[in-house]
C-alpha cells in the first residue's frame, strides 16, 4: 500500500502539484512528531533514568560506558513497556547486577540487561533465599594447603592397587 502512496506522490511532483521540497518538509514534520511523541511517554523517561543508572554502575566497575542513545533507551523502554517490569524493580536489579561478582562482568548495555533480566531475577531470588536460610546452604570449601594436597595424593597412590601386567599387555600398554 505504501508503494501506491509513493507513486501518487511522484505523480503529484511530476504534474507540478507538489514540489520535492514540500514533500521533504512534510516528511521531516511527520518524523519529528513520531520521535517526539515516543520520547515524551513516562516509560521513555523512566528508561532514560535506568540507562543513566546502569551506565553509572558500569563506570563504577571500571568498565567502558555504553552510549545512551535512542537504541539503548529503546531497549530499556521495551523492558518496562512490553515485559511489564516496574521501574523500581528494574532499578533494584540494576544495582544488584552491577554489584554482583558475575553479572557485573556481563551486563554492559541495556540490550544485555533486558536479555538476561529473568535469569538475573531468578539468581537474585535464590541468593536472597540462601541469605535467609544459611543452614540449608552447604559450607563453602576451604582451600587445602599445598602440602596437605600433595600428602593426600601420595597416600592415594600408595593405597592404589597396581594394574596386573597381563591386563596391561591385553590393553597394549606394555610389550
Protein backbone atom coordinates (compact mmCIF):
# COMPACT_ATOMS: atom_id res chain seq x y z
CA UNK A 1 0.00 0.00 0.00
CA UNK A 2 2.88 2.38 0.70
CA UNK A 3 4.07 1.78 -2.87
CA UNK A 4 0.79 3.23 -4.13
CA UNK A 5 1.29 6.34 -1.98
CA UNK A 6 4.83 6.70 -3.29
CA UNK A 7 3.56 6.50 -6.88
CA UNK A 8 0.85 9.09 -6.20
CA UNK A 9 3.36 11.48 -4.60
CA UNK A 10 5.67 11.03 -7.59
CA UNK A 11 2.77 11.84 -9.95
CA UNK A 12 1.92 14.98 -7.96
CA UNK A 13 5.55 16.08 -8.19
CA UNK A 14 5.67 15.38 -11.95
CA UNK A 15 2.43 17.31 -12.54
CA UNK A 16 3.69 20.26 -10.53
CA UNK A 17 1.02 19.99 -7.84
CA UNK A 18 3.73 19.37 -5.20
CA UNK A 19 7.38 20.25 -5.09
CA UNK A 20 10.09 17.97 -3.81
CA UNK A 21 10.90 20.50 -1.08
CA UNK A 22 7.30 20.45 0.17
CA UNK A 23 7.38 16.65 0.39
CA UNK A 24 10.68 16.74 2.31
CA UNK A 25 9.28 19.30 4.75
CA UNK A 26 6.23 17.14 5.44
CA UNK A 27 8.37 14.03 5.89
CA UNK A 28 10.50 15.91 8.44
CA UNK A 29 7.38 17.11 10.28
CA UNK A 30 5.94 13.58 10.48
CA UNK A 31 9.28 12.10 11.65
CA UNK A 32 9.78 14.76 14.31
CA UNK A 33 6.28 14.25 15.68
CA UNK A 34 6.71 10.49 15.82
CA UNK A 35 10.05 10.62 17.64
CA UNK A 36 8.97 13.39 19.99
CA UNK A 37 5.71 11.64 20.85
CA UNK A 38 7.51 8.41 21.70
CA UNK A 39 10.10 10.23 23.80
CA UNK A 40 7.54 12.04 25.92
CA UNK A 41 5.98 8.92 27.42
CA UNK A 42 6.56 8.09 31.08
CA UNK A 43 8.18 4.77 30.16
CA UNK A 44 10.70 6.52 27.90
CA UNK A 45 11.71 8.93 30.65
CA UNK A 46 11.99 6.05 33.13
CA UNK A 47 14.09 4.12 30.62
CA UNK A 48 16.45 7.08 30.28
CA UNK A 49 16.86 7.22 34.07
CA UNK A 50 17.56 3.47 34.18
CA UNK A 51 20.12 3.74 31.38
CA UNK A 52 21.93 6.50 33.26
CA UNK A 53 21.87 4.40 36.43
CA UNK A 54 23.22 1.34 34.60
CA UNK A 55 25.93 3.44 32.98
CA UNK A 56 26.96 4.86 36.35
CA UNK A 57 27.29 1.32 37.75
CA UNK A 58 29.30 0.15 34.75
CA UNK A 59 31.67 3.10 35.10
CA UNK A 60 31.96 2.45 38.85
CA UNK A 61 33.13 -1.09 37.97
CA UNK A 62 35.87 0.46 35.80
CA UNK A 63 34.31 -0.61 32.50
CA UNK A 64 33.65 1.42 29.38
CA UNK A 65 30.18 3.05 29.41
CA UNK A 66 27.69 2.48 26.61
CA UNK A 67 26.21 5.31 24.57
CA UNK A 68 22.87 6.50 25.88
CA UNK A 69 21.07 6.94 22.57
CA UNK A 70 17.67 6.14 21.09
CA UNK A 71 18.58 2.48 20.58
CA UNK A 72 19.82 1.83 24.11
CA UNK A 73 16.96 3.73 25.73
CA UNK A 74 14.55 1.92 23.40
CA UNK A 75 15.68 -1.48 24.69
CA UNK A 76 15.27 -0.38 28.29
CA UNK A 77 11.87 1.09 27.41
CA UNK A 78 10.81 -2.27 25.93
CA UNK A 79 11.72 -3.91 29.23
CA UNK A 80 9.37 -1.53 31.01
CA UNK A 81 6.55 -1.38 28.45
CA UNK A 82 6.48 -4.81 26.79
CA UNK A 83 7.94 -7.01 29.54
CA UNK A 84 5.86 -5.14 32.16
CA UNK A 85 8.72 -4.59 34.59
CA UNK A 86 8.21 -1.79 37.11
CA UNK A 87 10.82 0.96 37.15
CA UNK A 88 11.54 0.39 40.85
CA UNK A 89 12.15 -3.33 40.26
CA UNK A 90 14.41 -2.61 37.30
CA UNK A 91 16.35 -0.05 39.34
CA UNK A 92 16.91 -2.58 42.13
CA UNK A 93 18.03 -5.13 39.55
CA UNK A 94 20.47 -2.63 38.01
CA UNK A 95 22.00 -2.00 41.43
CA UNK A 96 22.17 -5.73 42.17
CA UNK A 97 23.67 -6.78 38.84
CA UNK A 98 26.44 -4.16 38.78
CA UNK A 99 27.38 -5.18 42.32
CA UNK A 100 27.29 -8.92 41.60
CA UNK A 101 30.62 -10.65 41.05
CA UNK A 102 29.45 -12.42 37.87
CA UNK A 103 26.74 -10.23 36.39
CA UNK A 104 28.85 -7.12 36.91
CA UNK A 105 31.21 -8.52 34.28
CA UNK A 106 28.45 -9.49 31.82
CA UNK A 107 25.95 -6.62 31.71
CA UNK A 108 27.42 -3.73 29.73
CA UNK A 109 24.32 -2.48 27.87
CA UNK A 110 20.53 -2.28 28.12
CA UNK A 111 20.34 -4.95 25.41
CA UNK A 112 22.14 -7.47 27.64
CA UNK A 113 20.25 -6.24 30.68
CA UNK A 114 16.90 -6.97 29.04
CA UNK A 115 18.11 -10.27 27.59
CA UNK A 116 19.29 -11.62 30.95
CA UNK A 117 16.71 -9.92 33.20
CA UNK A 118 14.71 -13.06 34.04
CA UNK A 119 17.85 -15.12 34.68
CA UNK A 120 19.23 -12.44 36.97
CA UNK A 121 15.89 -12.22 38.75
CA UNK A 122 15.93 -15.96 39.47
CA UNK A 123 19.54 -15.80 40.66
CA UNK A 124 18.77 -12.83 42.89
CA UNK A 125 15.82 -14.66 44.46
CA UNK A 126 17.95 -17.75 45.04
CA UNK A 127 20.74 -15.67 46.59
CA UNK A 128 18.30 -13.89 48.90
CA UNK A 129 16.77 -17.24 49.92
CA UNK A 130 20.19 -18.60 50.89
CA UNK A 131 20.88 -15.48 52.95
CA UNK A 132 17.66 -16.06 54.91
CA UNK A 133 18.34 -19.77 55.46
CA UNK A 134 22.13 -20.14 55.80
CA UNK A 135 21.82 -23.62 57.41
CA UNK A 136 20.36 -25.01 54.19
CA UNK A 137 23.41 -23.96 52.23
CA UNK A 138 26.50 -26.14 52.26
CA UNK A 139 29.55 -24.56 53.79
CA UNK A 140 32.00 -23.06 51.34
CA UNK A 141 35.00 -25.22 50.58
CA UNK A 142 38.17 -24.14 52.28
CA UNK A 143 41.21 -24.39 50.02
CA UNK A 144 43.60 -27.11 51.09
CA UNK A 145 47.19 -26.10 51.72
CA UNK A 146 49.65 -27.33 49.08
CA UNK A 147 51.45 -29.72 51.44
CA UNK A 148 48.17 -31.26 52.56
CA UNK A 149 47.11 -31.70 48.94
CA UNK A 150 50.34 -33.42 47.94
CA UNK A 151 50.29 -35.61 51.04
CA UNK A 152 46.73 -36.70 50.23
CA UNK A 153 47.72 -37.56 46.64
CA UNK A 154 50.78 -39.52 47.88
CA UNK A 155 48.57 -41.60 50.21
CA UNK A 156 46.09 -42.26 47.38
CA UNK A 157 48.90 -43.55 45.14
CA UNK A 158 50.27 -45.75 47.94
CA UNK A 159 46.84 -47.29 48.56
CA UNK A 160 46.10 -47.81 44.87
CA UNK A 161 46.30 -51.36 43.54
CA UNK A 162 48.67 -51.67 40.58
CA UNK A 163 47.26 -52.97 37.32
CA UNK A 164 48.43 -56.55 36.56
CA UNK A 165 50.95 -56.93 33.73
CA UNK A 166 48.63 -59.35 31.89
CA UNK A 167 45.90 -56.69 31.61
CA UNK A 168 48.46 -54.08 30.55
CA UNK A 169 49.60 -56.40 27.74
CA UNK A 170 46.00 -57.01 26.63
CA UNK A 171 45.37 -53.26 26.51
CA UNK A 172 48.63 -52.73 24.64
CA UNK A 173 50.16 -50.57 27.34
CA UNK A 174 53.35 -52.71 27.55
CA UNK A 175 55.06 -55.21 25.20
